């Protein structure tokens, strides 16, 4: 460090930062240099023994005070006192001034050095101490030394000096108090600013929406963790903030057509446009893509933020997936309703043709012949097909209505006690024909009797849906089992199939409305996609739980637990 830098640092520490040791050395040093130069000059020009003795004694006391100020930090704590150093300064000034009177009166302004030190150190007590020391070292000696030829003006200056010290000291205290108040306010504002910054930082990092504020030079001012992840995963340029974000390639909602550079929301915002909710798909079309809703706002008329751009990107992949599933569900539902209705309408047309033919034939028959023909003519088998198709449409509509009721919290549960084993056996019998068509065997594993307190109709829906899925997805010539068990807390109902099983990603979506698993085959009845969702809502309404476990190549198990409730404890 150069001498200039060292001097600048010492001046800053002593007079700007007011650090105790540099401040003491700087203050005492400045006072000592001025007074010592005056002492030397007066000694060289002294004309009496008293003046030489007083001036020399003042110089000695001054050197002692200066050494004490310089090495005060090394002395025991008891002797480290500004009051002692200031007292020695007042004594040195008084002796030097008294020995050089009347010319020595010019040294009177030096009294502000130790007085200021005392005031800044001890505040009001230092001010009153300074007043006393000024009177004792300056005013009183000057009055007694009036025989040295003081004129009236000099006596007035000496008399006014204590008042000046009090006024200047009061001003210093007032300025110091205001400065301390400003520093306290600044400290408070700084603390609030740091708190707000930390709060903003934590808030932005805890949301999944990417936020990036870019200044007029293209540099990042604020970016949260979601924004960092977006850039790390998809940006092709990491040279700078603006170039990094602008380099994120994207595709139109079809997932194949890339956006043109002119359509980039960042570039549009740079042109002064406001971009709201522009859908961008990122990732290669051949692989999984993520959908982001991107908005970019150029900040205009924003004072210091003039020219800044804020970019917000929300991951809407899940929402886009739901919309796609909704569209697929509507398309599938339309197909599922259309097929049985077309079949019904076709058979209705056939029935109408046959009825017309019967009318024409009946016109040539007698009453007895007509009665005999009616009794002997079999009911056409296609009427059974019409009935099954109509029942399928009705079941589909019922499932959708139940799903909507459950979604609105209007699913009504009417509990009563009934025997579950025989009830389960009857439900299984109703599905035996469907199981036979698939070559699936049905088996019930249960105790002889098991009472449960629940809604009988709703539990029938649960068992029917789970067993129908086990038949449909259990593979041809498989085995579907219903296992009933009980414990002190409730009843467990398990439906097990030994089919191909499901991958983990399908298991996690089993109870999501309108989600279908892999279809078992062309001959299997397609579902509405709400069956397991309804089962989940019915079980939950009973205060129970349902859990699915599956292993590819082994099979799937659906486990339902219902609490053991007593009629008298249930409203």
Protein backbone atom coordinates (compact mmCIF):
# COMPACT_ATOMS: atom_id res chain seq x y z
CA UNK A 1 0.00 0.00 0.00
CA UNK A 2 1.34 3.42 -0.97
CA UNK A 3 1.78 6.29 1.48
CA UNK A 4 -1.10 8.09 -0.19
CA UNK A 5 -3.42 5.09 0.18
CA UNK A 6 -2.35 4.59 3.80
CA UNK A 7 -2.99 8.25 4.61
CA UNK A 8 -6.37 8.14 2.87
CA UNK A 9 -7.36 5.01 4.79
CA UNK A 10 -6.21 6.53 8.07
CA UNK A 11 -8.16 9.74 7.39
CA UNK A 12 -11.28 7.74 6.53
CA UNK A 13 -11.03 5.58 9.64
CA UNK A 14 -10.30 8.53 11.91
CA UNK A 15 -12.65 11.23 10.68
CA UNK A 16 -15.29 9.47 8.51
CA UNK A 17 -15.76 6.09 10.15
CA UNK A 18 -14.73 7.50 13.58
CA UNK A 19 -13.08 4.29 14.69
CA UNK A 20 -11.88 4.79 18.31
CA UNK A 21 -8.12 4.31 17.92
CA UNK A 22 -7.64 6.15 14.57
CA UNK A 23 -9.95 8.92 15.76
CA UNK A 24 -7.95 9.38 18.98
CA UNK A 25 -4.62 9.44 17.16
CA UNK A 26 -5.89 11.76 14.42
CA UNK A 27 -7.53 14.22 16.82
CA UNK A 28 -4.69 14.27 19.29
CA UNK A 29 -2.08 14.38 16.53
CA UNK A 30 -3.64 17.41 14.85
CA UNK A 31 -3.94 19.22 18.20
CA UNK A 32 -0.36 18.31 19.21
CA UNK A 33 1.22 19.40 15.92
CA UNK A 34 -0.42 22.84 15.98
CA UNK A 35 0.29 23.48 19.68
CA UNK A 36 3.83 22.10 19.56
CA UNK A 37 4.76 24.37 16.64
CA UNK A 38 3.41 27.33 18.61
CA UNK A 39 5.35 26.25 21.74
CA UNK A 40 8.61 26.01 19.81
CA UNK A 41 8.04 29.44 18.27
CA UNK A 42 7.26 31.03 21.65
CA UNK A 43 10.26 29.33 23.30
CA UNK A 44 12.60 30.66 20.69
CA UNK A 45 11.11 34.12 21.17
CA UNK A 46 10.62 33.98 24.98
CA UNK A 47 11.71 37.05 26.92
CA UNK A 48 11.18 35.90 30.50
CA UNK A 49 11.99 32.92 32.68
CA UNK A 50 8.31 32.37 33.56
CA UNK A 51 7.24 32.25 29.94
CA UNK A 52 9.93 29.71 29.08
CA UNK A 53 9.05 27.52 32.06
CA UNK A 54 5.27 27.61 31.37
CA UNK A 55 5.69 27.00 27.66
CA UNK A 56 8.18 24.18 28.21
CA UNK A 57 5.92 22.61 30.84
CA UNK A 58 3.01 22.85 28.40
CA UNK A 59 5.07 21.12 25.72
CA UNK A 60 6.02 18.32 28.11
CA UNK A 61 2.39 17.78 29.15
CA UNK A 62 1.37 17.83 25.47
CA UNK A 63 3.91 15.12 24.59
CA UNK A 64 2.66 13.04 27.53
CA UNK A 65 -0.96 13.37 26.40
CA UNK A 66 -0.01 12.47 22.82
CA UNK A 67 1.89 9.36 23.91
CA UNK A 68 -1.06 8.36 26.09
CA UNK A 69 -3.45 8.76 23.15
CA UNK A 70 -1.14 6.78 20.85
CA UNK A 71 -0.59 3.83 23.16
CA UNK A 72 -3.86 4.08 25.11
CA UNK A 73 -5.17 0.82 23.60
CA UNK A 74 -2.23 -1.09 25.15
CA UNK A 75 -2.71 0.26 28.66
CA UNK A 76 -4.86 -1.41 31.36
CA UNK A 77 -8.58 -0.77 30.99
CA UNK A 78 -8.66 1.55 34.04
CA UNK A 79 -6.32 4.05 32.41
CA UNK A 80 -7.95 4.03 29.01
CA UNK A 81 -9.88 7.24 29.46
CA UNK A 82 -10.46 10.05 27.02
CA UNK A 83 -11.13 12.30 30.01
CA UNK A 84 -7.52 12.00 31.23
CA UNK A 85 -6.08 12.77 27.78
CA UNK A 86 -8.44 15.72 27.30
CA UNK A 87 -7.59 17.01 30.78
CA UNK A 88 -3.87 16.89 29.92
CA UNK A 89 -4.61 18.71 26.64
CA UNK A 90 -6.42 21.49 28.50
CA UNK A 91 -3.47 21.76 30.94
CA UNK A 92 -0.92 21.82 28.09
CA UNK A 93 -2.94 24.47 26.22
CA UNK A 94 -3.38 26.58 29.36
CA UNK A 95 0.33 26.48 30.26
CA UNK A 96 1.49 27.18 26.69
CA UNK A 97 -1.03 30.02 26.28
CA UNK A 98 -0.27 31.55 29.72
CA UNK A 99 3.48 31.44 29.10
CA UNK A 100 3.16 33.27 25.78
CA UNK A 101 0.66 35.98 26.78
CA UNK A 102 -0.40 38.35 25.35
CA UNK A 103 0.55 36.76 21.97
CA UNK A 104 -0.49 33.39 23.34
CA UNK A 105 -4.15 34.46 23.31
CA UNK A 106 -4.15 33.42 19.63
CA UNK A 107 -4.00 29.78 20.82
CA UNK A 108 -7.48 30.03 22.40
CA UNK A 109 -9.36 28.44 19.44
CA UNK A 110 -7.34 25.22 19.97
CA UNK A 111 -9.60 24.58 22.94
CA UNK A 112 -12.16 23.15 20.53
CA UNK A 113 -9.96 20.09 19.86
CA UNK A 114 -10.19 18.51 23.33
CA UNK A 115 -13.65 20.02 23.93
CA UNK A 116 -15.05 18.38 20.81
CA UNK A 117 -13.45 15.07 21.77
CA UNK A 118 -15.05 15.21 25.22
CA UNK A 119 -18.46 16.15 23.83
CA UNK A 120 -18.47 13.35 21.23
CA UNK A 121 -17.28 10.82 23.82
CA UNK A 122 -19.30 11.73 26.91
CA UNK A 123 -22.06 13.80 25.26
CA UNK A 124 -23.76 16.18 27.78
CA UNK A 125 -21.40 15.27 30.59
CA UNK A 126 -18.49 15.95 28.26
CA UNK A 127 -20.00 19.33 27.35
CA UNK A 128 -20.21 20.47 30.98
CA UNK A 129 -16.71 19.09 31.65
CA UNK A 130 -15.41 21.08 28.67
CA UNK A 131 -17.07 24.25 30.00
CA UNK A 132 -15.40 23.83 33.40
CA UNK A 133 -11.99 23.07 31.88
CA UNK A 134 -12.23 26.06 29.49
CA UNK A 135 -13.01 28.37 32.39
CA UNK A 136 -10.20 26.93 34.52
CA UNK A 137 -7.52 26.78 31.79
CA UNK A 138 -8.38 29.85 29.69
CA UNK A 139 -10.78 32.30 31.30
CA UNK A 140 -9.47 32.49 34.88
CA UNK A 141 -5.75 32.63 33.93
CA UNK A 142 -6.53 35.36 31.40
CA UNK A 143 -8.32 37.49 34.01
CA UNK A 144 -5.46 37.15 36.45
CA UNK A 145 -2.96 37.92 33.70
CA UNK A 146 -4.68 41.12 32.59
CA UNK A 147 -1.58 43.03 33.72
CA UNK A 148 0.18 41.70 30.57
CA UNK A 149 -1.55 44.33 28.54
CA UNK A 150 -4.79 42.64 27.36
CA UNK A 151 -6.99 45.02 25.56
CA UNK A 152 -10.77 45.07 25.92
CA UNK A 153 -11.38 43.07 22.70
CA UNK A 154 -9.16 40.22 23.87
CA UNK A 155 -10.91 40.12 27.26
CA UNK A 156 -14.29 39.94 25.52
CA UNK A 157 -13.05 37.02 23.38
CA UNK A 158 -11.84 35.19 26.48
CA UNK A 159 -15.12 35.83 28.28
CA UNK A 160 -17.21 34.71 25.32
CA UNK A 161 -15.09 31.56 24.69
CA UNK A 162 -16.90 29.37 27.30
CA UNK A 163 -20.27 30.35 25.84
CA UNK A 164 -18.98 29.53 22.35
CA UNK A 165 -17.80 26.14 23.52
CA UNK A 166 -21.26 25.41 24.99
CA UNK A 167 -23.03 26.55 21.80
CA UNK A 168 -20.71 24.61 19.49
CA UNK A 169 -20.91 21.55 21.76
CA UNK A 170 -24.72 21.77 21.75
CA UNK A 171 -24.72 21.99 17.97
CA UNK A 172 -22.44 18.96 17.80
CA UNK A 173 -24.74 17.00 20.09
CA UNK A 174 -27.77 18.01 18.05
CA UNK A 175 -26.08 17.02 14.80
CA UNK A 176 -24.89 13.78 16.36
CA UNK A 177 -28.42 12.98 17.58
CA UNK A 178 -29.87 13.67 14.14
CA UNK A 179 -27.11 11.61 12.53
CA UNK A 180 -27.79 8.72 14.91
CA UNK A 181 -31.50 8.96 14.14
CA UNK A 182 -30.76 8.92 10.42
CA UNK A 183 -28.43 5.97 10.85
CA UNK A 184 -31.08 4.13 12.89
CA UNK A 185 -33.68 4.85 10.20
CA UNK A 186 -31.26 3.75 7.51
CA UNK A 187 -30.51 0.59 9.46
CA UNK A 188 -34.24 -0.06 9.82
CA UNK A 189 -34.85 0.53 6.14
CA UNK A 190 -31.90 -1.66 5.26
CA UNK A 191 -33.22 -4.41 7.50
CA UNK A 192 -36.69 -4.09 5.98
CA UNK A 193 -35.18 -4.10 2.52
CA UNK A 194 -33.18 -7.24 3.31
CA UNK A 195 -36.29 -8.85 4.82
CA UNK A 196 -38.35 -7.94 1.76
CA UNK A 197 -35.60 -9.19 -0.52
CA UNK A 198 -35.35 -12.46 1.41
CA UNK A 199 -39.15 -12.81 1.42
CA UNK A 200 -39.30 -12.15 -2.32
CA UNK A 201 -36.41 -14.56 -2.91
CA UNK A 202 -38.04 -17.34 -0.89
CA UNK A 203 -41.48 -16.72 -2.40
CA UNK A 204 -40.21 -16.79 -5.98
CA UNK A 205 -38.13 -19.91 -5.36
CA UNK A 206 -41.09 -21.74 -3.82
CA UNK A 207 -43.38 -21.34 -6.82
CA UNK A 208 -43.24 -23.51 -9.92
CA UNK A 209 -43.66 -20.56 -12.28
CA UNK A 210 -40.45 -19.38 -13.93
CA UNK A 211 -39.91 -15.65 -13.38
CA UNK A 212 -37.14 -13.63 -15.03
CA UNK A 213 -36.66 -9.85 -14.87
CA UNK A 214 -34.23 -8.55 -17.49
CA UNK A 215 -32.79 -5.04 -17.57
CA UNK A 216 -32.33 -2.84 -20.61
CA UNK A 217 -28.87 -4.34 -21.23
CA UNK A 218 -30.23 -7.87 -21.36
CA UNK A 219 -28.86 -8.91 -17.96
CA UNK A 220 -30.84 -10.74 -15.31
CA UNK A 221 -32.02 -8.66 -12.37
CA UNK A 222 -34.22 -11.33 -10.74
CA UNK A 223 -34.59 -14.99 -11.64
CA UNK A 224 -36.11 -17.71 -9.47
CA UNK A 225 -35.12 -21.36 -9.26
CA UNK A 226 -37.86 -22.44 -11.70
CA UNK A 227 -36.37 -20.01 -14.24
CA UNK A 228 -32.90 -21.43 -13.66
CA UNK A 229 -34.20 -24.96 -14.24
CA UNK A 230 -35.93 -23.90 -17.45
CA UNK A 231 -32.72 -22.37 -18.81
CA UNK A 232 -30.55 -25.30 -17.67
CA UNK A 233 -32.80 -27.83 -19.38
CA UNK A 234 -33.82 -26.11 -22.61
CA UNK A 235 -31.57 -23.10 -23.39
CA UNK A 236 -28.98 -23.63 -26.13
CA UNK A 237 -27.07 -20.44 -25.37
CA UNK A 238 -25.72 -19.62 -21.92
CA UNK A 239 -23.64 -16.55 -22.85
CA UNK A 240 -26.07 -14.06 -21.40
CA UNK A 241 -29.44 -13.80 -19.75
CA UNK A 242 -31.37 -12.40 -22.70
CA UNK A 243 -29.67 -14.61 -25.28
CA UNK A 244 -30.13 -17.66 -23.04
CA UNK A 245 -33.90 -17.16 -22.70
CA UNK A 246 -34.34 -16.21 -26.35
CA UNK A 247 -32.48 -19.38 -27.37
CA UNK A 248 -35.09 -21.69 -25.84
CA UNK A 249 -36.57 -23.41 -28.86
CA UNK A 250 -40.28 -24.01 -28.90
CA UNK A 251 -43.02 -25.56 -30.97
CA UNK A 252 -46.55 -24.52 -31.78
CA UNK A 253 -49.41 -26.28 -29.92
CA UNK A 254 -49.29 -29.10 -32.49
CA UNK A 255 -45.90 -30.05 -31.00
CA UNK A 256 -44.24 -30.34 -34.42
CA UNK A 257 -44.13 -26.91 -36.06
CA UNK A 258 -41.34 -24.76 -34.56
CA UNK A 259 -41.96 -21.13 -33.70
CA UNK A 260 -40.35 -18.57 -35.98
CA UNK A 261 -37.85 -16.15 -34.44
CA UNK A 262 -40.31 -13.31 -34.95
CA UNK A 263 -42.87 -15.22 -32.87
CA UNK A 264 -40.54 -15.58 -29.88
CA UNK A 265 -42.23 -13.84 -26.91
CA UNK A 266 -38.93 -12.31 -25.76
CA UNK A 267 -38.28 -10.71 -29.12
CA UNK A 268 -41.88 -9.51 -29.29
CA UNK A 269 -41.52 -7.91 -25.86
CA UNK A 270 -38.30 -6.23 -26.99
CA UNK A 271 -40.32 -4.69 -29.84
CA UNK A 272 -42.68 -3.23 -27.24
CA UNK A 273 -45.41 -5.86 -27.52
CA UNK A 274 -47.14 -7.41 -24.53
CA UNK A 275 -47.35 -11.20 -24.84
CA UNK A 276 -49.95 -12.99 -22.75
CA UNK A 277 -50.25 -16.75 -22.27
CA UNK A 278 -48.48 -17.83 -25.43
CA UNK A 279 -48.45 -21.65 -25.46
CA UNK A 280 -45.02 -23.09 -26.26
CA UNK A 281 -44.08 -26.78 -26.33
CA UNK A 282 -40.43 -27.48 -25.54
CA UNK A 283 -38.58 -30.70 -26.14
CA UNK A 284 -38.13 -32.72 -29.28
CA UNK A 285 -41.33 -33.85 -31.04
CA UNK A 286 -40.07 -37.43 -30.95
CA UNK A 287 -39.80 -37.41 -27.14
CA UNK A 288 -41.78 -36.16 -24.16
CA UNK A 289 -42.62 -32.48 -24.43
CA UNK A 290 -43.51 -29.94 -21.80
CA UNK A 291 -46.06 -27.20 -22.33
CA UNK A 292 -45.41 -23.68 -21.03
CA UNK A 293 -47.70 -20.68 -20.99
CA UNK A 294 -45.32 -17.77 -21.58
CA UNK A 295 -46.03 -14.09 -20.94
CA UNK A 296 -43.62 -11.22 -21.51
CA UNK A 297 -44.20 -7.62 -20.46
CA UNK A 298 -41.98 -4.66 -21.39
CA UNK A 299 -41.98 -2.25 -18.45
CA UNK A 300 -42.71 1.25 -19.70
CA UNK A 301 -43.23 4.41 -17.62
CA UNK A 302 -41.69 2.50 -14.70
CA UNK A 303 -39.06 4.97 -13.56
CA UNK A 304 -35.81 3.13 -12.87
CA UNK A 305 -37.28 -0.03 -14.41
CA UNK A 306 -37.79 1.68 -17.77
CA UNK A 307 -36.66 -0.69 -20.52
CA UNK A 308 -36.82 -3.80 -18.33
CA UNK A 309 -38.67 -6.93 -19.48
CA UNK A 310 -40.38 -9.41 -17.18
CA UNK A 311 -40.82 -12.94 -18.52
CA UNK A 312 -43.14 -15.45 -16.82
CA UNK A 313 -43.42 -19.10 -17.88
CA UNK A 314 -45.92 -21.46 -16.21
CA UNK A 315 -45.67 -25.21 -16.72
CA UNK A 316 -49.12 -26.21 -18.00
CA UNK A 317 -48.19 -29.71 -19.12
CA UNK A 318 -50.62 -31.30 -16.64
CA UNK A 319 -53.43 -28.97 -17.72
CA UNK A 320 -52.77 -29.70 -21.38
CA UNK A 321 -52.82 -33.40 -20.57
CA UNK A 322 -56.18 -33.02 -18.83
CA UNK A 323 -57.58 -31.13 -21.80
CA UNK A 324 -56.31 -33.84 -24.12
CA UNK A 325 -57.87 -36.50 -21.90
CA UNK A 326 -61.13 -34.57 -21.87
CA UNK A 327 -61.14 -34.41 -25.67
CA UNK A 328 -60.33 -38.11 -25.89
CA UNK A 329 -63.08 -38.87 -23.38
CA UNK A 330 -65.65 -36.83 -25.31
CA UNK A 331 -64.61 -38.52 -28.55
CA UNK A 332 -64.67 -41.97 -26.94
CA UNK A 333 -67.97 -41.31 -25.21
CA UNK A 334 -69.52 -40.18 -28.46
CA UNK A 335 -68.33 -43.38 -30.11
CA UNK A 336 -69.56 -45.56 -27.23
CA UNK A 337 -73.01 -43.97 -27.22
CA UNK A 338 -73.27 -43.91 -31.00
CA UNK A 339 -72.50 -47.62 -31.45
CA UNK A 340 -75.31 -49.04 -29.26
CA UNK A 341 -77.75 -46.38 -30.45
CA UNK A 342 -77.00 -47.25 -34.09
CA UNK A 343 -77.52 -50.90 -33.22
CA UNK A 344 -80.82 -50.10 -31.49
CA UNK A 345 -82.00 -47.96 -34.42
CA UNK A 346 -81.03 -50.67 -36.88
CA UNK A 347 -83.00 -53.32 -35.07
CA UNK A 348 -85.92 -50.92 -34.67
CA UNK A 349 -85.98 -50.52 -38.46
CA UNK A 350 -85.95 -54.32 -38.85
CA UNK A 351 -88.76 -54.59 -36.31
CA UNK A 352 -90.80 -52.00 -38.18
CA UNK A 353 -90.32 -53.90 -41.46
CA UNK A 354 -91.36 -57.15 -39.84
CA UNK A 355 -94.37 -55.52 -38.18
CA UNK A 356 -95.42 -54.18 -41.60
CA UNK A 357 -95.04 -57.65 -43.11
CA UNK A 358 -97.10 -59.12 -40.25
CA UNK A 359 -99.82 -56.56 -40.86
CA UNK A 360 -99.99 -57.49 -44.52
CA UNK A 361 -100.07 -61.22 -43.68
CA UNK A 362 -102.66 -60.71 -40.92
CA UNK A 363 -105.01 -59.08 -43.38
CA UNK A 364 -105.53 -62.48 -45.09
CA UNK A 365 -105.94 -64.50 -41.86
CA UNK A 366 -109.03 -65.22 -39.85
CA UNK A 367 -109.22 -64.29 -36.15
CA UNK A 368 -108.50 -67.88 -35.06
CA UNK A 369 -105.56 -68.20 -37.43
CA UNK A 370 -104.19 -64.84 -36.25
CA UNK A 371 -104.45 -65.87 -32.58
CA UNK A 372 -102.65 -69.13 -33.29
CA UNK A 373 -99.89 -67.35 -35.23
CA UNK A 374 -99.29 -64.87 -32.39
CA UNK A 375 -98.90 -67.66 -29.82
CA UNK A 376 -96.60 -69.73 -32.01
CA UNK A 377 -94.33 -66.95 -33.30
CA UNK A 378 -91.11 -66.67 -31.13
CA UNK A 379 -89.89 -63.32 -29.89
CA UNK A 380 -87.02 -62.21 -32.17
CA UNK A 381 -83.55 -62.58 -30.56
CA UNK A 382 -82.48 -59.13 -31.70
CA UNK A 383 -84.87 -57.62 -29.17
CA UNK A 384 -82.51 -59.01 -26.51
CA UNK A 385 -79.69 -57.18 -28.28
CA UNK A 386 -81.71 -53.97 -28.24
CA UNK A 387 -82.30 -54.39 -24.52
CA UNK A 388 -78.60 -55.02 -23.77
CA UNK A 389 -77.50 -52.05 -25.84
CA UNK A 390 -80.05 -49.78 -24.17
CA UNK A 391 -78.92 -51.02 -20.74
CA UNK A 392 -75.31 -50.29 -21.69
CA UNK A 393 -76.16 -46.71 -22.64
CA UNK A 394 -78.19 -46.32 -19.45
CA UNK A 395 -75.31 -47.62 -17.33
CA UNK A 396 -72.92 -45.21 -19.03
CA UNK A 397 -75.23 -42.29 -18.29
CA UNK A 398 -75.73 -43.46 -14.70
CA UNK A 399 -71.95 -43.59 -14.18
CA UNK A 400 -71.56 -40.04 -15.44
CA UNK A 401 -74.39 -38.77 -13.24
CA UNK A 402 -72.91 -40.47 -10.15
CA UNK A 403 -69.50 -38.97 -10.92
CA UNK A 404 -71.01 -35.48 -11.15
CA UNK A 405 -72.98 -36.00 -7.92
CA UNK A 406 -69.84 -37.11 -6.12
CA UNK A 407 -67.86 -34.17 -7.53
CA UNK A 408 -70.51 -31.76 -6.17
CA UNK A 409 -70.63 -33.55 -2.81
CA UNK A 410 -74.18 -34.78 -3.43
CA UNK A 411 -73.45 -38.51 -3.30
CA UNK A 412 -76.07 -39.87 -0.89
CA UNK A 413 -75.08 -42.71 1.44
CA UNK A 414 -77.83 -44.64 3.25
CA UNK A 415 -76.25 -47.10 5.69
CA UNK A 416 -77.82 -50.20 7.12
CA UNK A 417 -76.51 -53.48 8.44
CA UNK A 418 -76.41 -56.46 6.06
CA UNK A 419 -74.57 -59.72 5.56
CA UNK A 420 -71.66 -59.21 3.15
CA UNK A 421 -70.68 -62.79 2.25
CA UNK A 422 -74.00 -63.87 0.74
CA UNK A 423 -74.41 -60.44 -0.81
CA UNK A 424 -71.00 -60.73 -2.54
CA UNK A 425 -71.91 -64.20 -3.79
CA UNK A 426 -75.07 -62.84 -5.44
CA UNK A 427 -73.14 -60.02 -7.14
CA UNK A 428 -70.66 -62.58 -8.46
CA UNK A 429 -73.50 -64.72 -9.82
CA UNK A 430 -74.81 -61.73 -11.78
CA UNK A 431 -71.43 -61.47 -13.50
CA UNK A 432 -70.90 -65.17 -14.13
CA UNK A 433 -72.16 -64.95 -17.73
CA UNK A 434 -69.71 -62.15 -18.56
CA UNK A 435 -66.94 -64.15 -16.88
CA UNK A 436 -67.86 -67.25 -18.89
CA UNK A 437 -67.55 -65.33 -22.15
CA UNK A 438 -63.96 -64.48 -21.19
CA UNK A 439 -63.26 -67.94 -19.83
CA UNK A 440 -62.64 -66.44 -16.40
CA UNK A 441 -63.32 -68.40 -13.24
CA UNK A 442 -64.77 -66.65 -10.20
CA UNK A 443 -63.85 -67.59 -6.65
CA UNK A 444 -65.00 -66.24 -3.27
CA UNK A 445 -62.78 -66.61 -0.20
CA UNK A 446 -64.62 -65.49 2.93
CA UNK A 447 -65.81 -66.55 6.40
CA UNK A 448 -69.27 -68.07 6.76
CA UNK A 449 -70.82 -64.78 7.79
CA UNK A 450 -69.66 -61.18 7.86
CA UNK A 451 -71.83 -58.24 8.90
CA UNK A 452 -71.14 -54.75 7.60
CA UNK A 453 -72.89 -51.43 8.16
CA UNK A 454 -72.94 -49.60 4.82
CA UNK A 455 -75.02 -48.54 1.86
CA UNK A 456 -75.99 -51.83 0.24
CA UNK A 457 -76.62 -50.38 -3.22
CA UNK A 458 -73.36 -48.44 -3.25
CA UNK A 459 -71.32 -51.43 -2.07
CA UNK A 460 -72.93 -53.43 -4.89
CA UNK A 461 -71.62 -50.77 -7.31
CA UNK A 462 -68.14 -51.04 -5.78
CA UNK A 463 -68.02 -54.83 -6.00
CA UNK A 464 -69.56 -54.91 -9.47
CA UNK A 465 -67.07 -52.34 -10.84
CA UNK A 466 -64.00 -54.01 -9.29
CA UNK A 467 -65.04 -57.51 -10.33
CA UNK A 468 -65.97 -56.34 -13.87
CA UNK A 469 -62.50 -54.84 -14.23
CA UNK A 470 -60.91 -58.06 -12.93
CA UNK A 471 -62.82 -60.02 -15.57
CA UNK A 472 -62.14 -57.56 -18.38
CA UNK A 473 -58.44 -56.98 -17.64
CA UNK A 474 -57.54 -60.35 -16.10
CA UNK A 475 -56.81 -61.99 -19.41
CA UNK A 476 -58.57 -64.87 -21.17
CA UNK A 477 -59.20 -68.01 -19.11
CA UNK A 478 -58.01 -66.27 -15.96
CA UNK A 479 -59.11 -66.28 -12.33
CA UNK A 480 -60.85 -63.45 -10.48
CA UNK A 481 -61.00 -63.74 -6.70
CA UNK A 482 -63.00 -61.88 -4.06
CA UNK A 483 -61.43 -62.17 -0.60
CA UNK A 484 -63.32 -60.92 2.46
CA UNK A 485 -61.75 -60.50 5.88
CA UNK A 486 -62.49 -58.70 9.13
CA UNK A 487 -60.59 -57.22 12.08
CA UNK A 488 -61.55 -55.18 15.16
CA UNK A 489 -61.46 -51.90 13.22
CA UNK A 490 -63.21 -52.77 9.98
CA UNK A 491 -63.82 -55.03 7.00
CA UNK A 492 -61.38 -55.66 4.16
CA UNK A 493 -62.57 -56.53 0.64
CA UNK A 494 -59.95 -57.55 -1.92
CA UNK A 495 -60.56 -58.23 -5.62
CA UNK A 496 -57.63 -60.03 -7.24
CA UNK A 497 -56.98 -60.87 -10.87
CA UNK A 498 -54.03 -62.85 -12.22
CA UNK A 499 -53.80 -61.03 -15.52
CA UNK A 500 -50.95 -59.13 -17.19
CA UNK A 501 -50.87 -56.40 -14.54
CA UNK A 502 -50.15 -52.70 -15.05
CA UNK A 503 -47.04 -50.49 -15.12
CA UNK A 504 -46.62 -48.04 -12.18
CA UNK A 505 -47.65 -44.97 -14.19
CA UNK A 506 -51.07 -46.53 -14.90
CA UNK A 507 -51.55 -47.53 -11.27
CA UNK A 508 -51.11 -43.94 -10.10
CA UNK A 509 -53.90 -42.77 -12.46
CA UNK A 510 -56.42 -45.55 -11.80
CA UNK A 511 -58.78 -43.38 -9.74
CA UNK A 512 -58.55 -40.29 -11.96
CA UNK A 513 -61.85 -39.61 -13.80
CA UNK A 514 -61.95 -40.35 -17.53
CA UNK A 515 -58.62 -42.19 -17.53
CA UNK A 516 -58.72 -45.64 -19.13
CA UNK A 517 -56.09 -48.30 -18.82
CA UNK A 518 -54.81 -50.42 -21.66
CA UNK A 519 -57.79 -52.04 -23.34
CA UNK A 520 -58.10 -55.81 -22.90
CA UNK A 521 -59.29 -56.59 -26.42
CA UNK A 522 -61.84 -55.87 -29.07
CA UNK A 523 -64.41 -58.16 -27.53
CA UNK A 524 -64.25 -56.47 -24.13
CA UNK A 525 -66.75 -53.82 -23.22
CA UNK A 526 -65.18 -50.37 -23.20
CA UNK A 527 -65.76 -48.37 -20.05
CA UNK A 528 -66.57 -44.70 -19.54
CA UNK A 529 -63.37 -44.11 -17.61
CA UNK A 530 -65.22 -43.09 -14.43
CA UNK A 531 -65.89 -46.49 -12.86
CA UNK A 532 -62.91 -46.57 -10.49
CA UNK A 533 -63.31 -42.86 -9.76
CA UNK A 534 -66.87 -43.58 -8.59
CA UNK A 535 -65.63 -46.53 -6.51
CA UNK A 536 -63.06 -44.27 -4.84
CA UNK A 537 -65.69 -41.65 -4.03
CA UNK A 538 -68.15 -44.22 -2.65
CA UNK A 539 -65.50 -45.79 -0.41
CA UNK A 540 -64.34 -42.37 0.78
CA UNK A 541 -67.95 -41.38 1.55
CA UNK A 542 -68.12 -44.44 3.83
CA UNK A 543 -64.97 -43.27 5.65
CA UNK A 544 -62.95 -46.07 4.09
CA UNK A 545 -59.92 -46.37 1.84
CA UNK A 546 -59.10 -48.07 -1.44
CA UNK A 547 -55.63 -49.04 -2.63
CA UNK A 548 -54.37 -50.56 -5.87
CA UNK A 549 -51.27 -52.72 -6.22
CA UNK A 550 -50.14 -54.26 -9.49
CA UNK A 551 -47.15 -56.03 -10.95
CA UNK A 552 -46.60 -56.60 -14.64
CA UNK A 553 -46.98 -60.28 -15.44
CA UNK A 554 -48.43 -61.13 -12.01
CA UNK A 555 -51.77 -59.34 -11.71
CA UNK A 556 -53.62 -56.57 -9.89
CA UNK A 557 -55.13 -56.38 -6.42
CA UNK A 558 -57.73 -53.80 -5.37
CA UNK A 559 -58.03 -53.53 -1.57
CA UNK A 560 -61.03 -51.78 0.01
CA UNK A 561 -61.22 -51.13 3.75
CA UNK A 562 -64.52 -50.10 5.36
CA UNK A 563 -64.74 -49.01 9.00
CA UNK A 564 -66.79 -51.13 11.39
CA UNK A 565 -69.53 -48.66 12.35
CA UNK A 566 -72.43 -49.37 14.65
CA UNK A 567 -75.97 -48.31 13.79
CA UNK A 568 -76.48 -46.48 17.07
CA UNK A 569 -73.34 -44.37 16.58
CA UNK A 570 -74.14 -43.27 13.06
CA UNK A 571 -76.54 -40.50 12.26
